[in-house]
């Protein structure tokens, strides 16, 4: 080892006690450990682990950190690793710089950054509409959770937790599609030497997501929605049943809430339907903002109801609502048996509104899922009404687009 500019205080081997006890003087001094490792004590009180060595005839000094942040045992480990590199004719300082550069590159290659690189190439062979849908889904669901993680270090468990979180809000279809997109991003990362392996491929939705109960809550997916809406419009059965299905698609209330609707619950001038607490599952009032399209359907319903207080009365007894199975029977007759139910409209709306980026709490309130405590029960049903009215109008406009166009088009949330 080359002699340093200040003499070492001789000591065959340091101890933690000696390191702690070392006091600063007006000049720097060194406390020697074994095999050339030494602790340099600075006048300011700082204590630096160092080692002087020669590589290809050139004198160099490498630092292993500061004491006590780097304790004696760790400094010795780093020193031993550096000595092994030198013995193998490798420059320990060059190896350290390469390692630092690799860590810096990994930190820069976050999931969001790599995903946007992938998207820039992937979207070239896709329609703008579909491309917008995919990047919006990543921005809404994936980036806030795993966007800052380096792709080289994302464990499979991170993707598992991500899709489980999405699934818990009732959007299992979105969860599966997000996982599929994440898998494509990670495959791109592997292909460009940004990650050692595609950890998203280790996760299969069937392994961690509960299967959908198709017999009770079957619903079509986004691609099938346009055909369903057109089939409802063409339904040649009972007119009142067709109007009920149209209104259900627009409002996505529960079947019992729809068929039990009474005209006294509606304020058509204010474009609002207030379902009373005794008809709600949560036993609190529920406000349904009415879109222009919903008001148009209600105008058609008014032509049929005459003096009945019910919107959808029973054919045999106008004092009673239509059968709870009327909508299901109509869907079965249209060819959707086992594929769609009245409850399915709620699942479709929840999935697509989440994909479009509408706030989760607004969607949950509109679905009447929001928990209410005893104190706030009288007020929570009116939360976010202006925002929910905007969302419901956007939903109705979206359904109009579906009727006219068989390609799924997602509007951005405001």
Protein backbone atom coordinates (compact mmCIF):
# COMPACT_ATOMS: atom_id res chain seq x y z
CA UNK A 1 0.00 0.00 0.00
CA UNK A 2 1.27 3.48 -0.86
CA UNK A 3 2.18 5.69 2.06
CA UNK A 4 -0.44 8.36 2.72
CA UNK A 5 0.29 12.06 3.26
CA UNK A 6 -0.42 11.75 6.98
CA UNK A 7 0.91 8.95 9.10
CA UNK A 8 -1.33 6.10 10.22
CA UNK A 9 -1.71 5.50 13.90
CA UNK A 10 -0.49 1.97 14.10
CA UNK A 11 -2.97 -0.64 15.17
CA UNK A 12 -3.05 -4.22 13.99
CA UNK A 13 -6.84 -4.31 13.95
CA UNK A 14 -9.55 -1.81 14.77
CA UNK A 15 -12.55 -2.31 17.01
CA UNK A 16 -15.89 -0.51 17.09
CA UNK A 17 -14.90 0.91 20.45
CA UNK A 18 -11.76 2.47 18.95
CA UNK A 19 -13.74 3.84 16.00
CA UNK A 20 -16.30 5.46 18.28
CA UNK A 21 -13.61 6.85 20.62
CA UNK A 22 -11.55 8.49 17.86
CA UNK A 23 -11.64 12.27 18.36
CA UNK A 24 -10.92 14.92 15.70
CA UNK A 25 -7.73 16.96 15.84
CA UNK A 26 -6.62 20.02 13.91
CA UNK A 27 -5.28 17.74 11.16
CA UNK A 28 -6.65 14.58 9.53
CA UNK A 29 -5.28 11.27 10.76
CA UNK A 30 -5.79 7.60 9.95
CA UNK A 31 -6.62 4.58 12.12
CA UNK A 32 -5.38 1.45 10.38
CA UNK A 33 -7.28 -1.80 10.23
CA UNK A 34 -6.20 -5.05 8.57
CA UNK A 35 -4.92 -5.41 5.00
CA UNK A 36 -4.71 -1.72 4.27
CA UNK A 37 -8.22 -0.66 5.29
CA UNK A 38 -8.15 2.50 7.38
CA UNK A 39 -10.51 5.00 9.01
CA UNK A 40 -9.63 8.63 8.19
CA UNK A 41 -10.68 11.00 10.99
CA UNK A 42 -11.28 14.54 9.73
CA UNK A 43 -10.96 17.80 11.74
CA UNK A 44 -14.68 18.32 11.24
CA UNK A 45 -15.41 15.05 13.06
CA UNK A 46 -16.21 13.01 9.96
CA UNK A 47 -14.81 9.46 9.77
CA UNK A 48 -14.25 7.94 6.31
CA UNK A 49 -13.41 4.34 5.41
CA UNK A 50 -10.67 4.23 2.76
CA UNK A 51 -8.23 1.94 1.02
CA UNK A 52 -5.21 2.89 -1.11
CA UNK A 53 -4.22 0.55 -3.93
CA UNK A 54 -2.36 0.44 -7.23
CA UNK A 55 -3.93 -0.68 -10.48
CA UNK A 56 -1.69 -1.04 -13.54
CA UNK A 57 0.90 1.16 -11.84
CA UNK A 58 -1.53 3.95 -10.97
CA UNK A 59 -2.16 4.98 -7.37
CA UNK A 60 -5.85 5.13 -6.41
CA UNK A 61 -7.94 5.60 -3.28
CA UNK A 62 -11.41 4.12 -2.86
CA UNK A 63 -13.93 5.03 -0.17
CA UNK A 64 -16.29 2.57 1.49
CA UNK A 65 -18.56 5.10 3.22
CA UNK A 66 -18.63 6.96 6.51
CA UNK A 67 -18.59 5.66 10.06
CA UNK A 68 -20.94 4.95 11.88
CA UNK A 69 -23.36 4.75 8.91
CA UNK A 70 -21.05 2.04 7.59
CA UNK A 71 -19.97 0.03 10.64
CA UNK A 72 -16.64 -1.73 10.87
CA UNK A 73 -17.96 -5.15 9.81
CA UNK A 74 -19.58 -3.76 6.66
CA UNK A 75 -16.47 -1.74 5.78
CA UNK A 76 -14.43 -4.94 5.99
CA UNK A 77 -16.89 -6.75 3.69
CA UNK A 78 -16.63 -3.99 1.09
CA UNK A 79 -12.85 -3.94 1.45
CA UNK A 80 -12.60 -7.73 0.96
CA UNK A 81 -14.80 -7.54 -2.15
CA UNK A 82 -12.59 -4.80 -3.60
CA UNK A 83 -9.42 -6.82 -2.88
CA UNK A 84 -10.86 -9.81 -4.73
CA UNK A 85 -11.57 -7.65 -7.77
CA UNK A 86 -8.02 -6.30 -7.69
CA UNK A 87 -6.63 -9.84 -7.41
CA UNK A 88 -8.63 -10.71 -10.55
CA UNK A 89 -6.99 -7.77 -12.36
CA UNK A 90 -10.14 -5.64 -12.22
CA UNK A 91 -10.22 -2.03 -11.12
CA UNK A 92 -12.48 -1.85 -8.00
CA UNK A 93 -13.28 1.82 -8.71
CA UNK A 94 -14.33 1.10 -12.29
CA UNK A 95 -16.54 -1.74 -11.10
CA UNK A 96 -18.14 0.55 -8.55
CA UNK A 97 -18.83 3.20 -11.18
CA UNK A 98 -20.41 0.56 -13.42
CA UNK A 99 -22.58 -0.65 -10.55
CA UNK A 100 -23.66 2.91 -9.76
CA UNK A 101 -24.48 3.48 -13.42
CA UNK A 102 -26.54 0.28 -13.52
CA UNK A 103 -28.48 1.31 -10.41
CA UNK A 104 -29.08 4.78 -11.87
CA UNK A 105 -30.32 3.24 -15.12
CA UNK A 106 -32.65 0.93 -13.20
CA UNK A 107 -34.03 3.88 -11.26
CA UNK A 108 -34.69 5.72 -14.54
CA UNK A 109 -36.37 2.73 -16.17
CA UNK A 110 -39.51 2.88 -14.09
CA UNK A 111 -42.62 0.97 -15.10
CA UNK A 112 -44.35 4.16 -16.24
CA UNK A 113 -41.40 5.31 -18.33
CA UNK A 114 -40.97 1.92 -20.00
CA UNK A 115 -44.73 1.57 -20.47
CA UNK A 116 -44.83 4.88 -22.33
CA UNK A 117 -41.91 3.75 -24.50
CA UNK A 118 -43.77 0.51 -25.26
CA UNK A 119 -46.98 2.41 -25.94
CA UNK A 120 -45.25 4.75 -28.39
CA UNK A 121 -44.32 1.77 -30.55
CA UNK A 122 -47.39 -0.40 -29.90
CA UNK A 123 -49.98 2.27 -30.78
CA UNK A 124 -48.67 2.66 -34.35
CA UNK A 125 -50.55 -0.47 -35.46
CA UNK A 126 -53.73 0.28 -33.47
CA UNK A 127 -56.65 2.61 -33.99
CA UNK A 128 -56.39 5.92 -32.09
CA UNK A 129 -59.57 5.04 -30.23
CA UNK A 130 -58.24 1.73 -28.94
CA UNK A 131 -54.83 3.21 -28.16
CA UNK A 132 -56.43 5.97 -26.08
CA UNK A 133 -58.40 3.36 -24.17
CA UNK A 134 -55.26 1.35 -23.30
CA UNK A 135 -53.11 4.28 -22.15
CA UNK A 136 -56.01 5.70 -20.16
CA UNK A 137 -56.38 2.38 -18.37
CA UNK A 138 -52.67 2.40 -17.46
CA UNK A 139 -52.81 6.01 -16.27
CA UNK A 140 -55.90 5.36 -14.15
CA UNK A 141 -55.05 2.01 -12.60
CA UNK A 142 -51.41 0.99 -13.00
CA UNK A 143 -49.21 4.10 -12.88
CA UNK A 144 -50.46 5.39 -9.50
CA UNK A 145 -49.59 2.02 -7.91
CA UNK A 146 -46.49 0.65 -9.67
CA UNK A 147 -45.47 3.49 -11.98
CA UNK A 148 -42.40 4.50 -9.95
CA UNK A 149 -41.01 0.97 -9.54
CA UNK A 150 -37.98 0.00 -11.69
CA UNK A 151 -39.04 -2.67 -14.19
CA UNK A 152 -35.96 -4.71 -13.29
CA UNK A 153 -37.13 -5.02 -9.69
CA UNK A 154 -40.93 -5.42 -9.86
CA UNK A 155 -41.91 -8.71 -8.17
CA UNK A 156 -44.86 -10.77 -9.33
CA UNK A 157 -46.59 -9.90 -6.05
CA UNK A 158 -46.82 -6.24 -7.14
CA UNK A 159 -48.93 -7.22 -10.15
CA UNK A 160 -50.98 -9.56 -7.97
CA UNK A 161 -51.75 -6.77 -5.50
CA UNK A 162 -52.55 -4.37 -8.34
CA UNK A 163 -55.21 -6.51 -10.00
CA UNK A 164 -56.69 -7.55 -6.66
CA UNK A 165 -57.11 -3.87 -5.78
CA UNK A 166 -58.90 -3.24 -9.07
CA UNK A 167 -61.07 -6.33 -8.60
CA UNK A 168 -62.16 -5.22 -5.12
CA UNK A 169 -64.03 -2.27 -6.62
CA UNK A 170 -66.07 -4.70 -8.73
CA UNK A 171 -64.10 -4.27 -11.97
CA UNK A 172 -62.77 -7.78 -12.58
CA UNK A 173 -62.78 -7.31 -16.36
CA UNK A 174 -60.61 -4.21 -15.99
CA UNK A 175 -58.28 -6.11 -13.64
CA UNK A 176 -57.71 -8.81 -16.25
CA UNK A 177 -57.09 -6.33 -19.05
CA UNK A 178 -54.68 -4.28 -16.92
CA UNK A 179 -52.70 -7.41 -16.13
CA UNK A 180 -52.56 -8.30 -19.83
CA UNK A 181 -51.25 -4.85 -20.71
CA UNK A 182 -48.68 -4.98 -17.90
CA UNK A 183 -47.50 -8.29 -19.31
CA UNK A 184 -46.92 -6.68 -22.70
CA UNK A 185 -44.95 -3.84 -21.09
CA UNK A 186 -42.77 -6.26 -19.17
CA UNK A 187 -42.18 -8.38 -22.26
CA UNK A 188 -41.00 -5.23 -24.02
CA UNK A 189 -38.69 -4.51 -21.06
CA UNK A 190 -37.16 -8.00 -21.30
CA UNK A 191 -36.69 -7.68 -25.07
CA UNK A 192 -34.75 -4.42 -24.59
CA UNK A 193 -32.60 -5.67 -21.69
CA UNK A 194 -34.36 -3.44 -19.19
CA UNK A 195 -35.61 -6.31 -17.01
CA UNK A 196 -34.31 -9.87 -16.51
CA UNK A 197 -37.75 -11.48 -16.82
CA UNK A 198 -41.45 -10.83 -17.27
CA UNK A 199 -42.75 -11.18 -13.71
CA UNK A 200 -46.29 -10.23 -14.77
CA UNK A 201 -46.44 -13.53 -16.67
CA UNK A 202 -46.26 -15.38 -13.35
CA UNK A 203 -49.75 -14.16 -12.44
CA UNK A 204 -52.92 -15.70 -13.87
CA UNK A 205 -56.27 -14.04 -13.05
CA UNK A 206 -57.93 -17.39 -12.40
CA UNK A 207 -55.43 -18.08 -9.60
CA UNK A 208 -56.32 -15.05 -7.52
CA UNK A 209 -59.64 -13.58 -8.70
CA UNK A 210 -62.95 -15.06 -7.65
CA UNK A 211 -64.94 -16.41 -10.62
CA UNK A 212 -67.89 -14.31 -11.70
CA UNK A 213 -71.28 -15.78 -10.81
CA UNK A 214 -72.62 -15.98 -14.32
CA UNK A 215 -75.94 -17.55 -13.36
CA UNK A 216 -76.97 -14.65 -11.10
CA UNK A 217 -75.02 -11.66 -12.36
CA UNK A 218 -73.99 -12.53 -15.90
CA UNK A 219 -73.18 -9.53 -18.06
CA UNK A 220 -71.87 -8.79 -21.48
CA UNK A 221 -68.43 -7.30 -21.97
CA UNK A 222 -67.64 -3.97 -23.61
CA UNK A 223 -67.39 -5.45 -27.10
CA UNK A 224 -70.89 -6.95 -26.85
CA UNK A 225 -72.55 -3.84 -25.46
CA UNK A 226 -73.37 -2.16 -28.82
CA UNK A 227 -75.20 -5.26 -30.08
CA UNK A 228 -77.12 -5.54 -26.81
CA UNK A 229 -78.28 -1.93 -26.95
CA UNK A 230 -79.46 -2.33 -30.53
CA UNK A 231 -81.22 -5.58 -29.64
CA UNK A 232 -83.10 -3.79 -26.84
CA UNK A 233 -84.16 -1.03 -29.23
CA UNK A 234 -85.47 -3.68 -31.66
CA UNK A 235 -87.23 -5.75 -29.00
CA UNK A 236 -90.71 -6.50 -30.30
CA UNK A 237 -92.21 -7.78 -27.06
CA UNK A 238 -94.09 -5.69 -24.53
CA UNK A 239 -93.30 -1.99 -25.11
CA UNK A 240 -93.18 -1.26 -21.39
CA UNK A 241 -90.53 -3.95 -20.92
CA UNK A 242 -88.41 -2.45 -23.69
CA UNK A 243 -88.63 0.98 -22.08
CA UNK A 244 -87.74 -0.54 -18.70
CA UNK A 245 -84.58 -2.09 -20.18
CA UNK A 246 -83.65 1.21 -21.83
CA UNK A 247 -84.10 3.09 -18.56
CA UNK A 248 -82.16 0.45 -16.66
CA UNK A 249 -79.23 0.78 -19.05
CA UNK A 250 -79.25 4.55 -18.54
CA UNK A 251 -79.61 4.54 -14.74
CA UNK A 252 -78.16 1.11 -13.76
CA UNK A 253 -80.39 0.89 -10.67
CA UNK A 254 -81.31 -2.48 -9.19
CA UNK A 255 -84.17 -4.37 -10.84
CA UNK A 256 -86.43 -4.03 -7.80
CA UNK A 257 -85.77 -0.29 -7.61
CA UNK A 258 -86.70 0.11 -11.28
CA UNK A 259 -89.90 -1.95 -11.45
CA UNK A 260 -91.17 -0.42 -8.21
CA UNK A 261 -90.64 3.17 -9.42
CA UNK A 262 -93.54 5.56 -8.78
CA UNK A 263 -94.15 8.88 -10.51
CA UNK A 264 -94.18 10.69 -7.17
CA UNK A 265 -90.44 9.92 -6.87
CA UNK A 266 -89.57 11.92 -9.99
CA UNK A 267 -88.86 15.61 -10.40
CA UNK A 268 -88.68 15.81 -14.17
CA UNK A 269 -88.10 19.56 -14.17
CA UNK A 270 -85.02 19.10 -11.96
CA UNK A 271 -84.02 15.95 -13.89
CA UNK A 272 -83.85 13.93 -10.70
CA UNK A 273 -85.25 10.65 -9.39
CA UNK A 274 -85.18 10.19 -5.61
CA UNK A 275 -85.79 6.59 -4.58
CA UNK A 276 -87.08 6.57 -0.98
CA UNK A 277 -85.21 4.75 1.78
CA UNK A 278 -87.82 2.02 2.20
CA UNK A 279 -87.19 0.84 -1.36
CA UNK A 280 -83.40 0.86 -1.13
CA UNK A 281 -81.13 -1.98 -0.08
CA UNK A 282 -79.11 0.44 2.07
CA UNK A 283 -82.31 1.83 3.64
CA UNK A 284 -81.33 5.40 2.82
CA UNK A 285 -82.65 7.59 -0.01
CA UNK A 286 -80.89 7.37 -3.35
CA UNK A 287 -80.69 10.15 -5.93
CA UNK A 288 -80.47 9.28 -9.62
CA UNK A 289 -79.60 12.26 -11.85
CA UNK A 290 -81.55 11.92 -15.10
CA UNK A 291 -79.84 12.42 -18.43
CA UNK A 292 -81.61 13.89 -21.44
CA UNK A 293 -81.93 10.38 -22.83
CA UNK A 294 -83.49 9.11 -19.59
CA UNK A 295 -86.03 11.95 -19.64
CA UNK A 296 -86.93 11.02 -23.21
CA UNK A 297 -87.59 7.41 -22.17
CA UNK A 298 -89.69 8.62 -19.25
CA UNK A 299 -91.76 10.73 -21.64
CA UNK A 300 -92.54 7.56 -23.60
CA UNK A 301 -93.39 5.72 -20.39
CA UNK A 302 -95.83 8.50 -19.46
CA UNK A 303 -97.78 7.85 -22.65
CA UNK A 304 -98.41 4.29 -21.43
CA UNK A 305 -99.11 4.69 -17.74
CA UNK A 306 -102.24 6.84 -17.93
CA UNK A 307 -103.37 7.29 -14.32
CA UNK A 308 -101.22 4.57 -12.77
CA UNK A 309 -98.89 5.72 -9.99
CA UNK A 310 -96.39 3.06 -11.15
CA UNK A 311 -94.12 3.45 -14.15
CA UNK A 312 -93.98 -0.25 -14.88
CA UNK A 313 -97.20 -1.84 -13.70
CA UNK A 314 -98.38 -5.42 -14.01
CA UNK A 315 -100.64 -6.22 -16.96
CA UNK A 316 -103.14 -8.06 -14.78
CA UNK A 317 -103.16 -5.63 -11.87
CA UNK A 318 -102.06 -2.03 -12.49
CA UNK A 319 -101.72 -1.50 -8.74
CA UNK A 320 -98.76 -3.90 -8.68
CA UNK A 321 -95.38 -3.56 -10.43
CA UNK A 322 -94.34 -5.72 -13.35
CA UNK A 323 -92.80 -9.11 -12.64
CA UNK A 324 -89.30 -9.18 -11.26
CA UNK A 325 -88.45 -11.67 -14.05
CA UNK A 326 -89.89 -9.60 -16.91
CA UNK A 327 -86.54 -8.04 -17.86
CA UNK A 328 -84.67 -11.34 -17.51
CA UNK A 329 -87.25 -13.09 -19.68
CA UNK A 330 -86.93 -10.39 -22.34
CA UNK A 331 -83.14 -10.69 -22.35
CA UNK A 332 -83.44 -14.47 -22.68
CA UNK A 333 -85.85 -14.06 -25.59
CA UNK A 334 -83.36 -11.73 -27.29
CA UNK A 335 -80.68 -14.45 -27.17
CA UNK A 336 -78.83 -13.36 -24.02
CA UNK A 337 -79.77 -16.24 -21.75
CA UNK A 338 -76.88 -16.91 -19.39
CA UNK A 339 -75.03 -13.89 -20.80
CA UNK A 340 -76.93 -10.90 -19.39
CA UNK A 341 -79.28 -10.10 -16.52
CA UNK A 342 -80.93 -6.97 -15.22
CA UNK A 343 -78.22 -6.77 -12.54
CA UNK A 344 -75.65 -7.04 -15.32
CA UNK A 345 -76.29 -3.43 -16.37
CA UNK A 346 -74.77 -2.35 -13.06
CA UNK A 347 -71.63 -4.38 -13.63
CA UNK A 348 -71.21 -3.10 -17.16
CA UNK A 349 -71.62 0.52 -16.02
CA UNK A 350 -69.20 0.08 -13.11
CA UNK A 351 -66.52 -1.48 -15.29
CA UNK A 352 -66.70 1.03 -18.12
CA UNK A 353 -67.06 4.13 -15.94
CA UNK A 354 -63.97 3.10 -14.00
CA UNK A 355 -62.12 2.53 -17.28
CA UNK A 356 -63.15 5.99 -18.43
CA UNK A 357 -61.53 7.47 -15.34
CA UNK A 358 -64.56 8.65 -13.36
CA UNK A 359 -63.81 8.91 -9.62
CA UNK A 360 -64.42 5.68 -7.76
CA UNK A 361 -66.44 7.36 -5.01
CA UNK A 362 -68.80 8.93 -7.55
CA UNK A 363 -69.44 5.59 -9.22
CA UNK A 364 -69.94 3.79 -5.91
CA UNK A 365 -72.43 6.41 -4.74
CA UNK A 366 -74.36 6.14 -7.99
CA UNK A 367 -74.46 2.38 -7.60
CA UNK A 368 -75.70 2.91 -4.03
CA UNK A 369 -72.76 0.89 -2.71
CA UNK A 370 -71.46 3.63 -0.43
CA UNK A 371 -71.57 2.70 3.26
CA UNK A 372 -73.52 5.15 5.40
CA UNK A 373 -73.19 5.56 9.14
CA UNK A 374 -76.06 6.61 11.38
CA UNK A 375 -75.00 10.26 11.53
CA UNK A 376 -74.44 10.84 7.82
CA UNK A 377 -77.18 8.59 6.44
CA UNK A 378 -79.55 11.51 5.81
CA UNK A 379 -76.95 13.43 3.82
CA UNK A 380 -74.64 11.03 2.00
CA UNK A 381 -77.17 10.20 -0.69
CA UNK A 382 -76.80 13.75 -2.02
CA UNK A 383 -73.00 13.80 -2.15
CA UNK A 384 -71.33 14.82 -5.42
CA UNK A 385 -74.65 15.41 -7.15
CA UNK A 386 -73.35 17.91 -9.75
CA UNK A 387 -70.42 15.62 -10.57
CA UNK A 388 -72.68 12.57 -10.70
CA UNK A 389 -75.11 14.40 -12.99
CA UNK A 390 -72.23 15.14 -15.36
CA UNK A 391 -71.15 11.50 -15.20
CA UNK A 392 -74.66 10.19 -15.89
CA UNK A 393 -75.06 12.46 -18.92
CA UNK A 394 -71.68 11.33 -20.23
CA UNK A 395 -72.76 7.72 -19.70
CA UNK A 396 -75.96 8.25 -21.68
CA UNK A 397 -74.01 9.94 -24.49
CA UNK A 398 -71.58 7.02 -24.46
CA UNK A 399 -74.46 4.54 -24.89
CA UNK A 400 -75.71 6.55 -27.87
CA UNK A 401 -72.29 6.20 -29.48
CA UNK A 402 -72.40 2.45 -28.88
CA UNK A 403 -75.72 2.13 -30.70
CA UNK A 404 -74.29 3.93 -33.72
CA UNK A 405 -70.82 2.42 -33.73
CA UNK A 406 -69.76 -1.15 -32.99
CA UNK A 407 -66.32 0.00 -31.79
CA UNK A 408 -65.96 0.75 -28.09
CA UNK A 409 -65.33 4.46 -27.61
CA UNK A 410 -64.45 5.70 -24.17
CA UNK A 411 -64.98 9.32 -23.21
CA UNK A 412 -62.59 10.93 -20.78
CA UNK A 413 -63.86 11.89 -17.36
CA UNK A 414 -63.87 15.62 -16.81
